[in-house]
N, C-alpha and C. Protein backbone atom coordinates (compact mmCIF):
# COMPACT_ATOMS: atom_id res chain seq x y z
N MET A 1 7.15 -39.80 56.85
CA MET A 1 5.82 -39.17 56.47
C MET A 1 6.24 -37.82 56.04
N LEU A 2 7.09 -37.05 56.51
CA LEU A 2 7.44 -35.73 55.98
C LEU A 2 8.04 -35.90 54.57
N GLY A 3 8.83 -36.70 54.29
CA GLY A 3 9.48 -37.22 53.19
C GLY A 3 8.39 -37.44 52.06
N ASP A 4 7.48 -38.12 52.33
CA ASP A 4 6.35 -38.52 51.42
C ASP A 4 5.77 -37.25 51.04
N ASN A 5 5.27 -36.39 52.14
CA ASN A 5 4.57 -35.14 51.91
C ASN A 5 5.37 -34.16 50.93
N LEU A 6 6.75 -34.09 51.08
CA LEU A 6 7.48 -33.26 50.37
C LEU A 6 7.51 -33.78 48.77
N ARG A 7 7.48 -35.11 48.71
CA ARG A 7 7.69 -35.81 47.29
C ARG A 7 6.30 -35.46 46.58
N ILE A 8 5.16 -35.56 47.39
CA ILE A 8 3.71 -35.40 46.96
C ILE A 8 3.69 -33.77 46.42
N LEU A 9 4.20 -32.76 47.23
CA LEU A 9 4.12 -31.50 47.08
C LEU A 9 5.10 -31.14 45.72
N LYS A 10 6.17 -31.69 45.63
CA LYS A 10 7.09 -31.59 44.46
C LYS A 10 6.38 -31.95 43.21
N TYR A 11 5.82 -33.24 43.22
CA TYR A 11 4.91 -33.72 42.03
C TYR A 11 3.95 -32.84 41.65
N LYS A 12 3.11 -32.31 42.56
CA LYS A 12 2.11 -31.36 42.42
C LYS A 12 2.81 -30.10 41.59
N ILE A 13 3.76 -29.52 42.11
CA ILE A 13 4.29 -28.24 41.66
C ILE A 13 4.81 -28.49 40.33
N MET A 14 5.61 -29.84 39.93
CA MET A 14 6.14 -30.01 38.64
C MET A 14 4.85 -30.09 37.74
N LYS A 15 3.82 -30.98 38.17
CA LYS A 15 2.65 -31.07 37.29
C LYS A 15 2.10 -29.73 36.82
N ALA A 16 1.94 -28.82 37.97
CA ALA A 16 1.22 -27.39 37.55
C ALA A 16 2.33 -26.73 36.65
N LEU A 17 3.48 -26.97 36.79
CA LEU A 17 4.56 -26.07 35.85
C LEU A 17 4.53 -26.68 34.52
N LEU A 18 4.36 -27.92 34.50
CA LEU A 18 4.46 -28.67 33.15
C LEU A 18 3.03 -28.19 32.26
N PHE A 19 2.02 -28.19 33.14
CA PHE A 19 0.65 -27.92 32.56
C PHE A 19 0.78 -26.47 31.90
N ASN A 20 1.35 -25.64 32.91
CA ASN A 20 1.39 -24.22 32.53
C ASN A 20 2.16 -24.01 31.18
N LEU A 21 3.40 -24.55 31.11
CA LEU A 21 4.38 -24.61 30.08
C LEU A 21 3.61 -25.18 28.70
N LEU A 22 2.86 -26.23 28.81
CA LEU A 22 2.17 -26.62 27.70
C LEU A 22 0.93 -25.81 27.29
N ALA A 23 0.42 -25.22 28.12
CA ALA A 23 -0.68 -24.52 27.69
C ALA A 23 -0.24 -23.13 27.14
N THR A 24 0.96 -22.68 27.53
CA THR A 24 1.55 -21.50 26.93
C THR A 24 1.85 -21.79 25.48
N CYS A 25 2.46 -22.87 25.35
CA CYS A 25 2.95 -23.24 24.08
C CYS A 25 1.97 -23.58 23.02
N PHE A 26 0.79 -24.05 23.52
CA PHE A 26 -0.37 -24.25 22.68
C PHE A 26 -1.09 -22.96 22.26
N ILE A 27 -1.23 -22.12 23.20
CA ILE A 27 -1.84 -20.86 22.91
C ILE A 27 -0.95 -20.04 21.97
N THR A 28 0.21 -19.88 22.05
CA THR A 28 1.22 -19.12 21.25
C THR A 28 1.49 -19.71 19.91
N THR A 29 1.25 -20.99 19.72
CA THR A 29 1.60 -21.51 18.46
C THR A 29 0.18 -21.66 17.57
N SER A 30 -0.88 -21.68 18.38
CA SER A 30 -2.31 -21.98 17.56
C SER A 30 -2.85 -20.75 17.08
N CYS A 31 -2.29 -19.37 17.55
CA CYS A 31 -2.92 -18.19 17.21
C CYS A 31 -2.16 -17.78 15.61
N HIS A 32 -1.29 -18.29 15.22
CA HIS A 32 -0.76 -18.05 13.87
C HIS A 32 -0.56 -16.51 13.77
N ARG A 33 0.02 -15.91 14.75
CA ARG A 33 0.26 -14.50 14.64
C ARG A 33 0.83 -13.95 13.33
N ASN A 34 1.80 -14.54 12.88
CA ASN A 34 2.53 -14.27 11.68
C ASN A 34 1.44 -14.17 10.48
N ASP A 35 0.55 -15.11 10.40
CA ASP A 35 -0.38 -15.18 9.36
C ASP A 35 -1.37 -14.11 9.39
N LEU A 36 -1.76 -13.56 10.39
CA LEU A 36 -2.71 -12.49 10.81
C LEU A 36 -1.99 -11.15 10.33
N LEU A 37 -0.73 -10.99 10.86
CA LEU A 37 0.04 -9.87 10.49
C LEU A 37 0.44 -9.62 8.91
N ASP A 38 0.46 -10.90 8.30
CA ASP A 38 0.71 -10.74 6.86
C ASP A 38 -0.47 -10.19 6.03
N ASP A 39 -1.63 -10.31 6.42
CA ASP A 39 -2.62 -9.70 5.85
C ASP A 39 -2.99 -8.08 6.21
N MET A 40 -2.09 -7.65 7.05
CA MET A 40 -2.35 -6.29 7.50
C MET A 40 -1.10 -5.47 6.94
N GLU A 41 -1.53 -4.11 6.67
CA GLU A 41 -0.45 -3.33 6.12
C GLU A 41 -0.34 -2.28 7.12
N PRO A 42 0.88 -1.58 7.22
CA PRO A 42 0.96 -0.40 8.04
C PRO A 42 0.11 0.87 7.63
N ALA A 43 -0.43 1.63 8.35
CA ALA A 43 -1.40 2.82 7.94
C ALA A 43 -0.48 3.49 7.05
N ASP A 44 0.80 3.76 7.10
CA ASP A 44 1.44 4.60 6.22
C ASP A 44 2.21 3.94 5.08
N SER A 45 1.55 2.79 4.72
CA SER A 45 2.03 2.01 3.40
C SER A 45 1.52 2.66 2.30
N PRO A 46 2.14 2.48 1.07
CA PRO A 46 1.85 3.19 -0.20
C PRO A 46 0.41 2.63 -0.52
N GLN A 47 0.17 1.31 -0.44
CA GLN A 47 -1.19 0.66 -0.76
C GLN A 47 -2.24 1.44 0.08
N LYS A 48 -2.10 1.84 1.53
CA LYS A 48 -3.17 2.43 2.03
C LYS A 48 -3.21 3.91 1.76
N ALA A 49 -2.17 4.57 1.47
CA ALA A 49 -1.94 5.78 1.20
C ALA A 49 -2.55 6.18 -0.20
N ILE A 50 -2.66 5.33 -1.09
CA ILE A 50 -3.29 5.78 -2.42
C ILE A 50 -4.63 5.44 -2.52
N VAL A 51 -5.19 4.78 -1.66
CA VAL A 51 -6.66 4.36 -1.55
C VAL A 51 -7.60 5.72 -1.34
N GLY A 52 -8.40 5.81 -2.24
CA GLY A 52 -9.40 6.99 -2.14
C GLY A 52 -9.54 7.63 -3.62
N LYS A 53 -10.13 8.77 -3.57
CA LYS A 53 -10.58 9.64 -4.72
C LYS A 53 -9.56 10.63 -4.97
N TRP A 54 -9.07 10.77 -6.15
CA TRP A 54 -8.02 11.62 -6.66
C TRP A 54 -8.58 12.29 -7.92
N ASP A 55 -8.65 13.78 -7.87
CA ASP A 55 -9.11 14.58 -9.06
C ASP A 55 -7.73 14.94 -9.76
N TRP A 56 -8.14 14.82 -11.10
CA TRP A 56 -7.01 15.26 -12.08
C TRP A 56 -6.75 16.55 -12.13
N LYS A 57 -5.37 17.08 -11.83
CA LYS A 57 -5.02 18.42 -11.91
C LYS A 57 -4.53 18.89 -13.28
N GLU A 58 -3.32 18.00 -13.77
CA GLU A 58 -2.83 18.17 -15.18
C GLU A 58 -2.02 17.19 -15.45
N THR A 59 -1.51 17.13 -16.71
CA THR A 59 -0.67 16.20 -17.25
C THR A 59 0.25 17.09 -18.06
N ILE A 60 1.34 16.56 -17.97
CA ILE A 60 2.52 17.14 -18.66
C ILE A 60 3.24 16.39 -19.53
N TYR A 61 3.57 16.50 -21.03
CA TYR A 61 4.31 15.68 -21.77
C TYR A 61 5.50 16.57 -22.12
N TYR A 62 6.66 15.86 -21.91
CA TYR A 62 7.83 16.39 -22.16
C TYR A 62 8.48 15.91 -23.56
N GLU A 63 8.83 16.84 -24.40
CA GLU A 63 9.30 16.50 -25.58
C GLU A 63 10.87 16.40 -25.44
N ARG A 64 11.30 15.23 -25.78
CA ARG A 64 12.76 14.93 -25.53
C ARG A 64 13.49 15.81 -26.59
N GLY A 65 14.61 16.39 -26.17
CA GLY A 65 15.41 17.17 -27.13
C GLY A 65 14.94 18.57 -27.41
N ALA A 66 13.62 18.76 -27.35
CA ALA A 66 13.16 20.06 -27.74
C ALA A 66 13.18 21.06 -26.65
N GLY A 67 13.45 20.33 -25.35
CA GLY A 67 13.19 21.32 -24.26
C GLY A 67 11.79 22.03 -24.03
N ALA A 68 10.93 21.56 -24.54
CA ALA A 68 9.55 22.03 -24.53
C ALA A 68 8.75 20.95 -23.72
N SER A 69 7.60 21.34 -23.16
CA SER A 69 6.59 20.54 -22.52
C SER A 69 5.20 21.06 -22.94
N VAL A 70 4.23 20.13 -22.92
CA VAL A 70 2.63 20.62 -23.36
C VAL A 70 2.10 20.01 -22.10
N HIS A 71 1.18 21.27 -21.73
CA HIS A 71 0.24 20.91 -20.38
C HIS A 71 -0.95 20.86 -20.65
N TYR A 72 -1.64 19.58 -20.32
CA TYR A 72 -3.16 19.25 -20.39
C TYR A 72 -3.81 19.60 -19.01
N THR A 73 -4.76 20.19 -18.90
CA THR A 73 -5.67 20.41 -17.72
C THR A 73 -7.19 20.00 -17.90
N PRO A 74 -7.83 19.95 -16.83
CA PRO A 74 -9.25 19.60 -16.87
C PRO A 74 -10.14 20.64 -17.87
N ALA A 75 -9.32 21.96 -17.71
CA ALA A 75 -9.97 22.90 -18.41
C ALA A 75 -9.69 23.04 -19.95
N SER A 76 -8.43 22.67 -20.18
CA SER A 76 -8.19 22.72 -21.58
C SER A 76 -8.51 21.37 -22.43
N GLU A 77 -9.06 20.33 -21.69
CA GLU A 77 -9.47 19.25 -22.30
C GLU A 77 -10.95 19.15 -22.17
N ALA A 78 -11.66 19.83 -21.30
CA ALA A 78 -12.92 19.77 -21.16
C ALA A 78 -13.34 18.32 -20.49
N ILE A 79 -12.51 17.98 -19.49
CA ILE A 79 -12.68 16.59 -19.01
C ILE A 79 -12.31 16.67 -17.46
N VAL A 80 -13.32 16.23 -16.65
CA VAL A 80 -13.07 15.99 -15.38
C VAL A 80 -12.74 14.66 -15.03
N ARG A 81 -11.56 14.28 -14.67
CA ARG A 81 -11.07 13.11 -14.48
C ARG A 81 -10.83 12.66 -13.14
N GLN A 82 -11.39 11.57 -12.63
CA GLN A 82 -11.04 11.13 -11.36
C GLN A 82 -10.44 9.66 -11.32
N TYR A 83 -9.53 9.38 -10.33
CA TYR A 83 -8.97 8.08 -10.21
C TYR A 83 -9.49 7.69 -8.75
N VAL A 84 -10.10 6.63 -8.91
CA VAL A 84 -10.57 5.98 -7.58
C VAL A 84 -9.91 4.79 -7.27
N PHE A 85 -9.06 4.79 -6.19
CA PHE A 85 -8.33 3.48 -5.95
C PHE A 85 -9.13 2.80 -4.76
N GLY A 86 -9.49 1.46 -4.95
CA GLY A 86 -10.21 0.92 -3.94
C GLY A 86 -9.20 -0.12 -3.04
N ASN A 87 -9.85 -0.45 -1.89
CA ASN A 87 -9.13 -1.16 -0.89
C ASN A 87 -8.84 -2.58 -1.47
N ASP A 88 -9.82 -2.89 -2.52
CA ASP A 88 -10.00 -4.29 -3.22
C ASP A 88 -8.87 -4.48 -4.30
N GLY A 89 -7.97 -3.47 -4.58
CA GLY A 89 -7.26 -3.63 -5.75
C GLY A 89 -7.83 -3.07 -7.07
N ASN A 90 -8.97 -2.43 -7.15
CA ASN A 90 -9.49 -2.13 -8.28
C ASN A 90 -9.41 -0.69 -8.28
N LEU A 91 -8.96 -0.15 -9.61
CA LEU A 91 -8.80 1.35 -9.99
C LEU A 91 -10.06 1.65 -10.78
N HIS A 92 -10.80 2.63 -10.60
CA HIS A 92 -11.91 3.03 -11.35
C HIS A 92 -11.57 4.38 -11.91
N ILE A 93 -11.74 4.62 -13.24
CA ILE A 93 -11.34 5.77 -13.91
C ILE A 93 -12.64 6.47 -14.25
N ILE A 94 -12.97 7.57 -13.78
CA ILE A 94 -14.27 8.29 -13.91
C ILE A 94 -13.83 9.59 -14.80
N GLU A 95 -14.67 9.65 -15.83
CA GLU A 95 -14.49 11.11 -16.66
C GLU A 95 -15.88 11.52 -16.77
N ASN A 96 -16.02 12.93 -16.45
CA ASN A 96 -17.24 13.57 -16.61
C ASN A 96 -18.48 12.87 -15.93
N GLY A 97 -18.24 12.28 -14.78
CA GLY A 97 -19.29 11.35 -14.02
C GLY A 97 -19.44 10.08 -14.40
N ASP A 98 -18.95 9.58 -15.63
CA ASP A 98 -19.16 8.24 -15.96
C ASP A 98 -17.80 7.44 -15.94
N GLU A 99 -17.94 5.98 -15.59
CA GLU A 99 -16.75 5.16 -15.52
C GLU A 99 -16.41 4.86 -16.88
N VAL A 100 -15.05 5.09 -17.39
CA VAL A 100 -14.62 4.74 -18.61
C VAL A 100 -13.65 3.58 -18.65
N ALA A 101 -13.21 3.45 -17.37
CA ALA A 101 -12.27 2.15 -17.44
C ALA A 101 -12.07 1.78 -15.99
N ARG A 102 -11.87 0.45 -15.88
CA ARG A 102 -11.58 -0.36 -14.56
C ARG A 102 -10.32 -1.07 -15.05
N HIS A 103 -9.44 -1.02 -13.86
CA HIS A 103 -8.14 -1.83 -13.97
C HIS A 103 -7.99 -2.39 -12.59
N ILE A 104 -7.24 -3.48 -12.52
CA ILE A 104 -6.50 -3.97 -11.39
C ILE A 104 -5.28 -3.33 -10.92
N TYR A 105 -5.09 -2.76 -9.97
CA TYR A 105 -3.71 -2.17 -9.63
C TYR A 105 -3.02 -2.87 -8.55
N HIS A 106 -1.77 -2.63 -8.64
CA HIS A 106 -0.81 -3.20 -7.57
C HIS A 106 0.43 -2.56 -7.33
N ILE A 107 0.67 -2.27 -6.15
CA ILE A 107 1.94 -1.25 -5.73
C ILE A 107 3.12 -2.37 -5.57
N THR A 108 4.07 -2.29 -6.05
CA THR A 108 5.27 -3.04 -5.76
C THR A 108 6.26 -2.37 -4.72
N THR A 109 6.17 -2.64 -3.40
CA THR A 109 6.72 -1.96 -2.42
C THR A 109 8.26 -2.51 -2.37
N SER A 110 8.60 -3.77 -3.01
CA SER A 110 9.71 -4.38 -2.83
C SER A 110 10.68 -3.82 -4.14
N ALA A 111 10.13 -2.78 -4.99
CA ALA A 111 10.89 -1.96 -5.78
C ALA A 111 11.13 -0.59 -5.47
N LYS A 112 11.00 -0.51 -4.22
CA LYS A 112 11.06 0.83 -3.60
C LYS A 112 12.37 1.55 -4.18
N LEU A 113 12.17 2.78 -4.67
CA LEU A 113 13.33 3.53 -5.22
C LEU A 113 13.56 4.61 -4.33
N THR A 114 14.65 4.60 -3.55
CA THR A 114 14.92 5.72 -2.56
C THR A 114 15.95 6.69 -3.18
N GLY A 115 15.97 7.88 -2.61
CA GLY A 115 16.78 8.76 -3.14
C GLY A 115 16.41 9.49 -4.40
N SER A 116 15.18 9.56 -4.65
CA SER A 116 14.70 9.91 -6.09
C SER A 116 15.04 11.61 -6.31
N SER A 117 15.03 12.04 -7.32
CA SER A 117 15.43 13.40 -7.50
C SER A 117 14.79 14.44 -6.57
N ALA A 118 13.44 14.11 -6.34
CA ALA A 118 12.80 14.99 -5.52
C ALA A 118 13.03 14.83 -4.05
N GLY A 119 13.64 13.74 -3.60
CA GLY A 119 14.01 13.50 -2.39
C GLY A 119 12.90 12.55 -1.54
N TYR A 120 12.13 12.08 -2.40
CA TYR A 120 11.09 11.44 -1.73
C TYR A 120 11.13 9.94 -2.18
N ASP A 121 10.54 9.06 -1.54
CA ASP A 121 10.65 7.56 -1.90
C ASP A 121 9.62 7.42 -3.03
N GLU A 122 9.82 6.66 -4.02
CA GLU A 122 8.94 6.14 -5.19
C GLU A 122 8.67 4.74 -5.10
N PHE A 123 7.62 4.28 -5.63
CA PHE A 123 7.13 2.97 -5.72
C PHE A 123 6.60 2.79 -7.13
N LEU A 124 6.70 1.34 -7.54
CA LEU A 124 6.14 0.93 -8.79
C LEU A 124 4.75 0.65 -8.81
N LEU A 125 3.94 1.28 -9.69
CA LEU A 125 2.50 0.97 -9.60
C LEU A 125 2.21 0.38 -10.95
N LYS A 126 1.50 -0.79 -10.83
CA LYS A 126 1.16 -1.58 -12.07
C LYS A 126 -0.33 -1.29 -12.21
N ILE A 127 -0.84 -0.59 -13.28
CA ILE A 127 -2.14 -0.52 -13.62
C ILE A 127 -2.46 -1.20 -15.03
N GLY A 128 -3.26 -2.30 -14.88
CA GLY A 128 -3.50 -2.98 -15.93
C GLY A 128 -2.09 -3.48 -16.65
N PRO A 129 -1.76 -3.29 -17.94
CA PRO A 129 -0.52 -3.44 -18.50
C PRO A 129 0.49 -2.42 -18.30
N ASP A 130 0.17 -1.32 -17.72
CA ASP A 130 0.97 -0.17 -17.58
C ASP A 130 1.81 -0.34 -16.37
N LEU A 131 3.15 0.20 -16.29
CA LEU A 131 3.92 0.27 -14.98
C LEU A 131 4.31 1.65 -15.04
N LEU A 132 3.93 2.23 -13.95
CA LEU A 132 4.18 3.56 -13.69
C LEU A 132 5.00 3.91 -12.31
N TYR A 133 5.63 4.97 -12.34
CA TYR A 133 6.28 5.31 -10.84
C TYR A 133 5.23 6.26 -10.01
N ILE A 134 5.11 5.96 -8.93
CA ILE A 134 4.13 6.68 -7.99
C ILE A 134 4.96 7.48 -6.88
N LEU A 135 4.56 8.58 -6.70
CA LEU A 135 5.11 9.53 -5.84
C LEU A 135 3.98 10.26 -5.15
N SER A 136 3.78 10.12 -3.82
CA SER A 136 2.80 10.86 -3.24
C SER A 136 3.43 11.79 -2.27
N ILE A 137 2.90 13.16 -2.44
CA ILE A 137 3.37 14.15 -1.55
C ILE A 137 2.20 14.90 -1.00
N LYS A 138 2.03 14.41 0.43
CA LYS A 138 0.94 14.96 1.17
C LYS A 138 -0.52 14.48 0.39
N ASP A 139 -1.28 15.57 -0.22
CA ASP A 139 -2.27 15.22 -0.85
C ASP A 139 -2.10 15.33 -2.38
N THR A 140 -1.10 15.26 -2.80
CA THR A 140 -0.71 15.19 -4.29
C THR A 140 -0.24 13.78 -4.73
N LEU A 141 -0.68 13.40 -5.77
CA LEU A 141 -0.39 11.83 -6.23
C LEU A 141 0.31 12.39 -7.66
N ILE A 142 1.50 11.87 -7.74
CA ILE A 142 2.17 12.13 -8.95
C ILE A 142 2.52 10.77 -9.69
N LEU A 143 2.17 10.47 -10.93
CA LEU A 143 2.25 9.27 -11.67
C LEU A 143 2.98 9.56 -12.88
N SER A 144 4.15 8.86 -13.06
CA SER A 144 5.12 9.13 -14.15
C SER A 144 5.64 8.00 -14.92
N ASN A 145 5.64 7.88 -16.31
CA ASN A 145 6.26 6.95 -16.91
C ASN A 145 7.70 6.95 -16.99
N ARG A 146 8.25 8.02 -16.50
CA ARG A 146 9.74 8.33 -16.48
C ARG A 146 10.38 8.59 -17.83
N LEU A 147 9.49 8.71 -18.83
CA LEU A 147 9.92 9.10 -20.24
C LEU A 147 9.52 10.49 -20.63
N ASN A 148 8.12 10.58 -20.67
CA ASN A 148 7.72 11.90 -21.23
C ASN A 148 6.38 12.29 -20.72
N ARG A 149 5.84 11.64 -19.70
CA ARG A 149 4.42 11.92 -19.19
C ARG A 149 4.54 11.96 -17.70
N THR A 150 3.80 13.04 -17.26
CA THR A 150 3.87 13.16 -15.63
C THR A 150 2.29 13.37 -15.45
N ASP A 151 1.53 12.71 -14.68
CA ASP A 151 0.12 13.07 -14.31
C ASP A 151 0.18 13.48 -12.72
N TYR A 152 -0.73 14.49 -12.51
CA TYR A 152 -0.83 15.05 -11.08
C TYR A 152 -2.22 14.96 -10.74
N TYR A 153 -2.59 14.63 -9.63
CA TYR A 153 -3.78 14.24 -9.10
C TYR A 153 -3.90 14.87 -7.57
N ILE A 154 -4.96 15.36 -7.19
CA ILE A 154 -5.19 16.04 -5.84
C ILE A 154 -6.35 15.07 -5.27
N ARG A 155 -5.92 14.84 -3.78
CA ARG A 155 -6.88 14.16 -3.02
C ARG A 155 -8.25 14.81 -2.90
N LYS A 156 -9.44 14.10 -3.17
CA LYS A 156 -10.61 14.84 -2.93
C LYS A 156 -11.07 14.61 -1.56
């Protein structure tokens, strides 16, 4: 009689353990945690950091070999330009209050260039057909083609 009771108790314990093990496996595999994480970006990612409104401060054209540069500003060009990077991957370019262009943008984080001359990390930014280097220092956005043009924007 005691042997039968122990055998029944062992059976119930094994059954409960098996049920808990299967339930745990089902719950952890059905959530697809990795799929959910793939859609999220860290708050400090370049994609998140660039989203928002940026007011044009100046553009500098460097003339190779001449050692000179030409500076353009909103005052010198009579243009108030704003870049508005959306969460949806759209860039709206606003000049004097009117949208003059809209492009799809993408930041290539896999092409991160560390150890830049300024000591900051740079990323590749594709705006429409153009490929630029992006460097964000606090509330200043620096876009450069690395040849002869550098644009500076201030976070609004």
